[in-house]
Amino acid sequence: MIVTAGLLGTQGARRVLLLIMCAVALAWVALAIIPMSHSQLGFVLMWTLMSLAMMIPTVLRPMLRIAGGSAMRACSFVVGYLTIWIAMAVPAIILVNAVLWSGLLISFGWIVVGLYQLTPWTQTALRRCRSMQASDPAFQLGIKEGVACASACFPLMVIGVVTIAGMQPALSLLSMVALAAFMIWEKSPRVGSVALRASGIAVILVASTMLVLGGAETGHMHKISAPSSWVE
């Protein structure tokens, strides 16, 4: 997402952006140094940090527009937005623990994510992410933005968590950066429906290729609540 000069035209807006980006940077540092945990509380902590580090950069443009240079409105928007994403930790941990995740199931999970990217539901949710009315209360707008973004990105976040659980710390961090960059891209107003569908097809093709090339033979299985391939 490119933040235009018009949105940063006031000193107040620049201070707001600096404050938010410092919080995002601290979340990335925490993700880099805090080891993955087997516990459900640890999962909620990591999900919260991922929500702050990965999801806030995807809504900088609407946040700045809604804030209008007001730090209070910016913080209210962020709190509302993160409230939804932190709440999504509950269905996320249920889905992650629903099965023993093998390489086969992870590959199929990515195929499902690619198919979901092709649906009108995702297209509509992404359009809602880009078109919030700035005149409403900021916290309420943050809630609405969170619901819209979760509708579009929740499957990607869940399968992303499952995938990075079996990786070494450095590789898992790079994977989170890649996922964040993709979500920033897909929420850009310059990205049209054709490009979004193309990205879904690309995900399907890559996941299918991993199956053909032996992705199903990786064999690692894990659950959050039991000893697994999560890093100690």
C-alpha atoms as a PDB file:
ATOM      1  CA  MET A   1       0.000   0.000   0.000  1.00  0.00           C
ATOM      2  CA  ILE A   2       1.352   3.399  -0.961  1.00  0.00           C
ATOM      3  CA  VAL A   3       0.423   6.208   1.435  1.00  0.00           C
ATOM      4  CA  THR A   4       0.000   9.343  -0.648  1.00  0.00           C
ATOM      5  CA  ALA A   5       1.420  12.711   0.280  1.00  0.00           C
ATOM      6  CA  GLY A   6      -2.107  14.101   0.595  1.00  0.00           C
ATOM      7  CA  LEU A   7      -2.853  11.794   3.504  1.00  0.00           C
ATOM      8  CA  LEU A   8       0.332  12.937   5.243  1.00  0.00           C
ATOM      9  CA  GLY A   9      -0.149  16.616   4.569  1.00  0.00           C
ATOM     10  CA  THR A  10      -0.354  17.689   8.222  1.00  0.00           C
ATOM     11  CA  GLN A  11       2.132  17.363  11.038  1.00  0.00           C
ATOM     12  CA  GLY A  12      -0.540  15.639  13.096  1.00  0.00           C
ATOM     13  CA  ALA A  13      -1.010  12.967  10.451  1.00  0.00           C
ATOM     14  CA  ARG A  14       2.726  12.363  10.314  1.00  0.00           C
ATOM     15  CA  ARG A  15       2.878  11.971  14.099  1.00  0.00           C
ATOM     16  CA  VAL A  16      -0.008   9.513  13.984  1.00  0.00           C
ATOM     17  CA  LEU A  17       1.696   7.453  11.294  1.00  0.00           C
ATOM     18  CA  LEU A  18       4.997   7.451  13.216  1.00  0.00           C
ATOM     19  CA  LEU A  19       3.278   6.304  16.412  1.00  0.00           C
ATOM     20  CA  ILE A  20       1.435   3.472  14.688  1.00  0.00           C
ATOM     21  CA  MET A  21       4.485   2.318  12.739  1.00  0.00           C
ATOM     22  CA  CYS A  22       6.576   2.246  15.937  1.00  0.00           C
ATOM     23  CA  ALA A  23       3.984  -0.089  17.461  1.00  0.00           C
ATOM     24  CA  VAL A  24       4.057  -2.238  14.324  1.00  0.00           C
ATOM     25  CA  ALA A  25       7.873  -2.368  14.406  1.00  0.00           C
ATOM     26  CA  LEU A  26       7.842  -3.440  18.059  1.00  0.00           C
ATOM     27  CA  ALA A  27       5.387  -6.215  17.195  1.00  0.00           C
ATOM     28  CA  TRP A  28       7.757  -7.465  14.478  1.00  0.00           C
ATOM     29  CA  VAL A  29      10.652  -7.421  16.956  1.00  0.00           C
ATOM     30  CA  ALA A  30       8.559  -9.416  19.431  1.00  0.00           C
ATOM     31  CA  LEU A  31       7.688 -11.960  16.741  1.00  0.00           C
ATOM     32  CA  ALA A  32      11.390 -12.316  15.960  1.00  0.00           C
ATOM     33  CA  ILE A  33      12.540 -12.908  19.544  1.00  0.00           C
ATOM     34  CA  ILE A  34       9.620 -14.658  21.265  1.00  0.00           C
ATOM     35  CA  PRO A  35       9.649 -18.425  20.605  1.00  0.00           C
ATOM     36  CA  MET A  36       6.549 -20.209  19.428  1.00  0.00           C
ATOM     37  CA  SER A  37       4.573 -21.761  22.288  1.00  0.00           C
ATOM     38  CA  HIS A  38       2.636 -25.017  22.572  1.00  0.00           C
ATOM     39  CA  SER A  39       0.038 -23.434  24.839  1.00  0.00           C
ATOM     40  CA  GLN A  40      -3.226 -21.911  23.744  1.00  0.00           C
ATOM     41  CA  LEU A  41      -2.381 -18.716  25.648  1.00  0.00           C
ATOM     42  CA  GLY A  42       0.888 -18.582  23.718  1.00  0.00           C
ATOM     43  CA  PHE A  43      -1.043 -18.971  20.483  1.00  0.00           C
ATOM     44  CA  VAL A  44      -3.311 -16.052  21.383  1.00  0.00           C
ATOM     45  CA  LEU A  45      -0.245 -13.914  22.161  1.00  0.00           C
ATOM     46  CA  MET A  46       1.396 -14.757  18.834  1.00  0.00           C
ATOM     47  CA  TRP A  47      -1.879 -14.180  16.951  1.00  0.00           C
ATOM     48  CA  THR A  48      -2.222 -10.764  18.600  1.00  0.00           C
ATOM     49  CA  LEU A  49       1.333  -9.804  17.652  1.00  0.00           C
ATOM     50  CA  MET A  50       0.785 -11.046  14.101  1.00  0.00           C
ATOM     51  CA  SER A  51      -2.430  -9.030  13.867  1.00  0.00           C
ATOM     52  CA  LEU A  52      -0.602  -5.868  14.898  1.00  0.00           C
ATOM     53  CA  ALA A  53       2.513  -6.497  12.802  1.00  0.00           C
ATOM     54  CA  MET A  54       0.878  -7.860   9.653  1.00  0.00           C
ATOM     55  CA  MET A  55      -2.622  -6.413   9.494  1.00  0.00           C
ATOM     56  CA  ILE A  56      -2.210  -2.780  10.607  1.00  0.00           C
ATOM     57  CA  PRO A  57       0.084  -1.950   7.633  1.00  0.00           C
ATOM     58  CA  THR A  58      -2.682  -3.161   5.313  1.00  0.00           C
ATOM     59  CA  VAL A  59      -5.074  -0.447   6.542  1.00  0.00           C
ATOM     60  CA  LEU A  60      -2.770   2.569   6.807  1.00  0.00           C
ATOM     61  CA  ARG A  61      -4.537   4.416   4.003  1.00  0.00           C
ATOM     62  CA  PRO A  62      -8.093   4.190   5.450  1.00  0.00           C
ATOM     63  CA  MET A  63      -6.730   4.757   8.966  1.00  0.00           C
ATOM     64  CA  LEU A  64      -5.071   8.043   7.991  1.00  0.00           C
ATOM     65  CA  ARG A  65      -8.117   9.177   6.030  1.00  0.00           C
ATOM     66  CA  ILE A  66     -10.434   8.401   8.948  1.00  0.00           C
ATOM     67  CA  ALA A  67      -8.059   9.920  11.530  1.00  0.00           C
ATOM     68  CA  GLY A  68      -7.869  13.238   9.699  1.00  0.00           C
ATOM     69  CA  GLY A  69      -4.709  14.125  11.616  1.00  0.00           C
ATOM     70  CA  SER A  70      -6.268  13.220  14.988  1.00  0.00           C
ATOM     71  CA  ALA A  71      -4.204  10.820  17.112  1.00  0.00           C
ATOM     72  CA  MET A  72      -7.324   9.966  19.138  1.00  0.00           C
ATOM     73  CA  ARG A  73      -9.300   8.921  16.055  1.00  0.00           C
ATOM     74  CA  ALA A  74      -6.347   6.940  14.734  1.00  0.00           C
ATOM     75  CA  CYS A  75      -5.946   5.062  18.020  1.00  0.00           C
ATOM     76  CA  SER A  76      -9.705   4.456  18.258  1.00  0.00           C
ATOM     77  CA  PHE A  77      -9.710   3.037  14.737  1.00  0.00           C
ATOM     78  CA  VAL A  78      -6.747   0.758  15.492  1.00  0.00           C
ATOM     79  CA  VAL A  79      -8.309  -0.483  18.744  1.00  0.00           C
ATOM     80  CA  GLY A  80     -11.572  -1.298  16.963  1.00  0.00           C
ATOM     81  CA  TYR A  81      -9.739  -3.005  14.114  1.00  0.00           C
ATOM     82  CA  LEU A  82      -7.536  -5.099  16.404  1.00  0.00           C
ATOM     83  CA  THR A  83     -10.530  -6.037  18.562  1.00  0.00           C
ATOM     84  CA  ILE A  84     -11.927  -8.009  15.631  1.00  0.00           C
ATOM     85  CA  TRP A  85      -8.621  -9.639  14.727  1.00  0.00           C
ATOM     86  CA  ILE A  86      -7.821 -10.623  18.319  1.00  0.00           C
ATOM     87  CA  ALA A  87     -11.321 -12.100  18.648  1.00  0.00           C
ATOM     88  CA  MET A  88     -10.593 -14.176  15.541  1.00  0.00           C
ATOM     89  CA  ALA A  89      -7.948 -16.032  17.572  1.00  0.00           C
ATOM     90  CA  VAL A  90     -10.778 -18.183  18.967  1.00  0.00           C
ATOM     91  CA  PRO A  91     -11.972 -19.689  15.650  1.00  0.00           C
ATOM     92  CA  ALA A  92      -8.346 -19.764  14.491  1.00  0.00           C
ATOM     93  CA  ILE A  93      -7.170 -21.978  17.325  1.00  0.00           C
ATOM     94  CA  ILE A  94     -10.218 -24.221  16.863  1.00  0.00           C
ATOM     95  CA  LEU A  95      -9.381 -24.682  13.182  1.00  0.00           C
ATOM     96  CA  VAL A  96      -5.679 -25.194  13.847  1.00  0.00           C
ATOM     97  CA  ASN A  97      -6.432 -27.886  16.431  1.00  0.00           C
ATOM     98  CA  ALA A  98      -9.233 -29.506  14.436  1.00  0.00           C
ATOM     99  CA  VAL A  99      -6.902 -31.946  12.684  1.00  0.00           C
ATOM    100  CA  LEU A 100      -3.336 -33.212  12.736  1.00  0.00           C
ATOM    101  CA  TRP A 101      -1.785 -31.090  10.013  1.00  0.00           C
ATOM    102  CA  SER A 102       0.316 -33.007   7.514  1.00  0.00           C
ATOM    103  CA  GLY A 103       2.074 -31.684   4.435  1.00  0.00           C
ATOM    104  CA  LEU A 104      -0.831 -33.038   2.393  1.00  0.00           C
ATOM    105  CA  LEU A 105      -3.462 -31.166   4.391  1.00  0.00           C
ATOM    106  CA  ILE A 106      -1.433 -27.955   4.387  1.00  0.00           C
ATOM    107  CA  SER A 107      -1.144 -28.100   0.595  1.00  0.00           C
ATOM    108  CA  PHE A 108      -4.888 -28.686   0.307  1.00  0.00           C
ATOM    109  CA  GLY A 109      -5.410 -25.801   2.726  1.00  0.00           C
ATOM    110  CA  TRP A 110      -3.523 -23.484   0.383  1.00  0.00           C
ATOM    111  CA  ILE A 111      -5.638 -24.702  -2.525  1.00  0.00           C
ATOM    112  CA  VAL A 112      -8.744 -23.778  -0.502  1.00  0.00           C
ATOM    113  CA  VAL A 113      -7.229 -20.330   0.150  1.00  0.00           C
ATOM    114  CA  GLY A 114      -6.653 -19.898  -3.586  1.00  0.00           C
ATOM    115  CA  LEU A 115     -10.225 -20.921  -4.371  1.00  0.00           C
ATOM    116  CA  TYR A 116     -11.524 -18.548  -1.691  1.00  0.00           C
ATOM    117  CA  GLN A 117      -9.570 -15.755  -3.363  1.00  0.00           C
ATOM    118  CA  LEU A 118     -11.633 -16.342  -6.511  1.00  0.00           C
ATOM    119  CA  THR A 119     -15.015 -15.975  -4.813  1.00  0.00           C
ATOM    120  CA  PRO A 120     -17.249 -12.882  -5.036  1.00  0.00           C
ATOM    121  CA  TRP A 121     -17.277 -12.873  -1.212  1.00  0.00           C
ATOM    122  CA  THR A 122     -13.559 -12.060  -1.104  1.00  0.00           C
ATOM    123  CA  GLN A 123     -13.887  -9.429  -3.826  1.00  0.00           C
ATOM    124  CA  THR A 124     -16.743  -7.736  -1.955  1.00  0.00           C
ATOM    125  CA  ALA A 125     -14.920  -7.859   1.388  1.00  0.00           C
ATOM    126  CA  LEU A 126     -11.809  -6.269  -0.112  1.00  0.00           C
ATOM    127  CA  ARG A 127     -13.905  -3.506  -1.666  1.00  0.00           C
ATOM    128  CA  ARG A 128     -15.412  -2.798   1.764  1.00  0.00           C
ATOM    129  CA  CYS A 129     -11.885  -2.598   3.202  1.00  0.00           C
ATOM    130  CA  ARG A 130     -11.121   0.240   0.792  1.00  0.00           C
ATOM    131  CA  SER A 131     -14.318   2.274   1.078  1.00  0.00           C
ATOM    132  CA  MET A 132     -15.135   3.138   4.698  1.00  0.00           C
ATOM    133  CA  GLN A 133     -16.886   6.485   5.303  1.00  0.00           C
ATOM    134  CA  ALA A 134     -14.550   8.733   7.302  1.00  0.00           C
ATOM    135  CA  SER A 135     -17.364  10.661   9.023  1.00  0.00           C
ATOM    136  CA  ASP A 136     -18.513   7.847  11.343  1.00  0.00           C
ATOM    137  CA  PRO A 137     -17.024   7.248  14.839  1.00  0.00           C
ATOM    138  CA  ALA A 138     -13.468   5.937  14.474  1.00  0.00           C
ATOM    139  CA  PHE A 139     -13.883   2.916  16.771  1.00  0.00           C
ATOM    140  CA  GLN A 140     -17.010   1.856  14.884  1.00  0.00           C
ATOM    141  CA  LEU A 141     -15.152   2.216  11.592  1.00  0.00           C
ATOM    142  CA  GLY A 142     -12.296   0.135  12.987  1.00  0.00           C
ATOM    143  CA  ILE A 143     -14.759  -2.626  13.863  1.00  0.00           C
ATOM    144  CA  LYS A 144     -16.288  -2.500  10.384  1.00  0.00           C
ATOM    145  CA  GLU A 145     -12.857  -2.505   8.756  1.00  0.00           C
ATOM    146  CA  GLY A 146     -11.804  -5.450  10.906  1.00  0.00           C
ATOM    147  CA  VAL A 147     -14.879  -7.463   9.937  1.00  0.00           C
ATOM    148  CA  ALA A 148     -14.354  -6.716   6.246  1.00  0.00           C
ATOM    149  CA  CYS A 149     -10.652  -7.555   6.356  1.00  0.00           C
ATOM    150  CA  ALA A 150     -11.188 -10.727   8.380  1.00  0.00           C
ATOM    151  CA  SER A 151     -13.793 -11.820   5.833  1.00  0.00           C
ATOM    152  CA  ALA A 152     -11.162 -11.481   3.116  1.00  0.00           C
ATOM    153  CA  CYS A 153      -7.962 -12.544   4.892  1.00  0.00           C
ATOM    154  CA  PHE A 154      -8.863 -14.929   7.745  1.00  0.00           C
ATOM    155  CA  PRO A 155      -8.389 -18.161   5.720  1.00  0.00           C
ATOM    156  CA  LEU A 156      -4.994 -16.919   4.548  1.00  0.00           C
ATOM    157  CA  MET A 157      -3.940 -16.067   8.108  1.00  0.00           C
ATOM    158  CA  VAL A 158      -5.005 -19.467   9.470  1.00  0.00           C
ATOM    159  CA  ILE A 159      -3.233 -21.550   6.833  1.00  0.00           C
ATOM    160  CA  GLY A 160      -0.275 -19.192   7.136  1.00  0.00           C
ATOM    161  CA  VAL A 161      -0.045 -19.908  10.879  1.00  0.00           C
ATOM    162  CA  VAL A 162      -0.257 -23.646  10.258  1.00  0.00           C
ATOM    163  CA  THR A 163       2.448 -23.443   7.599  1.00  0.00           C
ATOM    164  CA  ILE A 164       4.970 -21.410   9.593  1.00  0.00           C
ATOM    165  CA  ALA A 165       4.482 -23.655  12.635  1.00  0.00           C
ATOM    166  CA  GLY A 166       6.754 -26.251  11.017  1.00  0.00           C
ATOM    167  CA  MET A 167       9.476 -23.795   9.982  1.00  0.00           C
ATOM    168  CA  GLN A 168      12.668 -22.577  11.604  1.00  0.00           C
ATOM    169  CA  PRO A 169      12.307 -19.142  13.266  1.00  0.00           C
ATOM    170  CA  ALA A 170      14.113 -17.159  10.564  1.00  0.00           C
ATOM    171  CA  LEU A 171      12.128 -18.779   7.759  1.00  0.00           C
ATOM    172  CA  SER A 172       8.838 -18.362   9.618  1.00  0.00           C
ATOM    173  CA  LEU A 173       9.555 -14.642  10.065  1.00  0.00           C
ATOM    174  CA  LEU A 174      10.321 -14.245   6.358  1.00  0.00           C
ATOM    175  CA  SER A 175       7.090 -16.087   5.549  1.00  0.00           C
ATOM    176  CA  MET A 176       5.110 -13.696   7.751  1.00  0.00           C
ATOM    177  CA  VAL A 177       6.711 -10.748   5.957  1.00  0.00           C
ATOM    178  CA  ALA A 178       5.719 -12.281   2.610  1.00  0.00           C
ATOM    179  CA  LEU A 179       2.128 -12.828   3.763  1.00  0.00           C
ATOM    180  CA  ALA A 180       1.919  -9.259   5.062  1.00  0.00           C
ATOM    181  CA  ALA A 181       3.261  -7.908   1.769  1.00  0.00           C
ATOM    182  CA  PHE A 182       0.670  -9.912  -0.157  1.00  0.00           C
ATOM    183  CA  MET A 183      -2.196  -8.596   1.979  1.00  0.00           C
ATOM    184  CA  ILE A 184      -0.933  -5.020   1.619  1.00  0.00           C
ATOM    185  CA  TRP A 185      -0.887  -5.548  -2.143  1.00  0.00           C
ATOM    186  CA  GLU A 186      -4.371  -7.041  -2.406  1.00  0.00           C
ATOM    187  CA  LYS A 187      -5.923  -4.178  -0.413  1.00  0.00           C
ATOM    188  CA  SER A 188      -4.386  -1.520  -2.621  1.00  0.00           C
ATOM    189  CA  PRO A 189      -7.016   0.464  -4.564  1.00  0.00           C
ATOM    190  CA  ARG A 190      -4.874  -0.031  -7.661  1.00  0.00           C
ATOM    191  CA  VAL A 191      -5.419  -3.803  -7.595  1.00  0.00           C
ATOM    192  CA  GLY A 192      -8.445  -4.864  -9.612  1.00  0.00           C
ATOM    193  CA  SER A 193     -10.548  -8.008  -9.648  1.00  0.00           C
ATOM    194  CA  VAL A 194      -8.546  -9.544 -12.499  1.00  0.00           C
ATOM    195  CA  ALA A 195      -5.292  -9.295 -10.540  1.00  0.00           C
ATOM    196  CA  LEU A 196      -6.966 -10.701  -7.421  1.00  0.00           C
ATOM    197  CA  ARG A 197      -8.293 -13.678  -9.359  1.00  0.00           C
ATOM    198  CA  ALA A 198      -4.879 -14.172 -10.931  1.00  0.00           C
ATOM    199  CA  SER A 199      -3.325 -14.297  -7.463  1.00  0.00           C
ATOM    200  CA  GLY A 200      -5.841 -16.944  -6.419  1.00  0.00           C
ATOM    201  CA  ILE A 201      -5.029 -19.032  -9.476  1.00  0.00           C
ATOM    202  CA  ALA A 202      -1.308 -18.638  -8.746  1.00  0.00           C
ATOM    203  CA  VAL A 203      -1.795 -19.891  -5.179  1.00  0.00           C
ATOM    204  CA  ILE A 204      -3.738 -22.898  -6.459  1.00  0.00           C
ATOM    205  CA  LEU A 205      -1.054 -23.715  -9.024  1.00  0.00           C
ATOM    206  CA  VAL A 206       1.801 -23.422  -6.524  1.00  0.00           C
ATOM    207  CA  ALA A 207       0.007 -25.560  -3.930  1.00  0.00           C
ATOM    208  CA  SER A 208      -0.894 -28.155  -6.556  1.00  0.00           C
ATOM    209  CA  THR A 209       2.707 -28.219  -7.743  1.00  0.00           C
ATOM    210  CA  MET A 210       3.883 -28.833  -4.184  1.00  0.00           C
ATOM    211  CA  LEU A 211       1.587 -31.840  -4.037  1.00  0.00           C
ATOM    212  CA  VAL A 212       2.919 -33.207  -7.307  1.00  0.00           C
ATOM    213  CA  LEU A 213       6.559 -32.609  -6.330  1.00  0.00           C
ATOM    214  CA  GLY A 214       6.197 -34.338  -3.000  1.00  0.00           C
ATOM    215  CA  GLY A 215       4.658 -31.800  -0.650  1.00  0.00           C
ATOM    216  CA  ALA A 216       2.498 -34.586   0.720  1.00  0.00           C
ATOM    217  CA  GLU A 217       5.609 -36.459   1.843  1.00  0.00           C
ATOM    218  CA  THR A 218       6.766 -33.888   4.412  1.00  0.00           C
ATOM    219  CA  GLY A 219       4.828 -35.791   7.036  1.00  0.00           C
ATOM    220  CA  HIS A 220       4.958 -33.278   9.897  1.00  0.00           C
ATOM    221  CA  MET A 221       1.831 -33.139  12.019  1.00  0.00           C
ATOM    222  CA  HIS A 222       1.111 -30.738  14.818  1.00  0.00           C
ATOM    223  CA  LYS A 223      -1.441 -29.268  17.177  1.00  0.00           C
ATOM    224  CA  ILE A 224      -1.115 -26.121  19.224  1.00  0.00           C
ATOM    225  CA  SER A 225      -2.025 -27.767  22.497  1.00  0.00           C
ATOM    226  CA  ALA A 226       0.384 -30.706  22.268  1.00  0.00           C
ATOM    227  CA  PRO A 227       4.117 -31.168  21.620  1.00  0.00           C
ATOM    228  CA  SER A 228       4.624 -30.570  17.948  1.00  0.00           C
ATOM    229  CA  SER A 229       6.803 -28.927  15.364  1.00  0.00           C
ATOM    230  CA  TRP A 230       6.231 -25.534  17.005  1.00  0.00           C
ATOM    231  CA  VAL A 231       9.599 -24.135  18.039  1.00  0.00           C
ATOM    232  CA  GLU A 232      10.314 -24.436  21.773  1.00  0.00           C
END
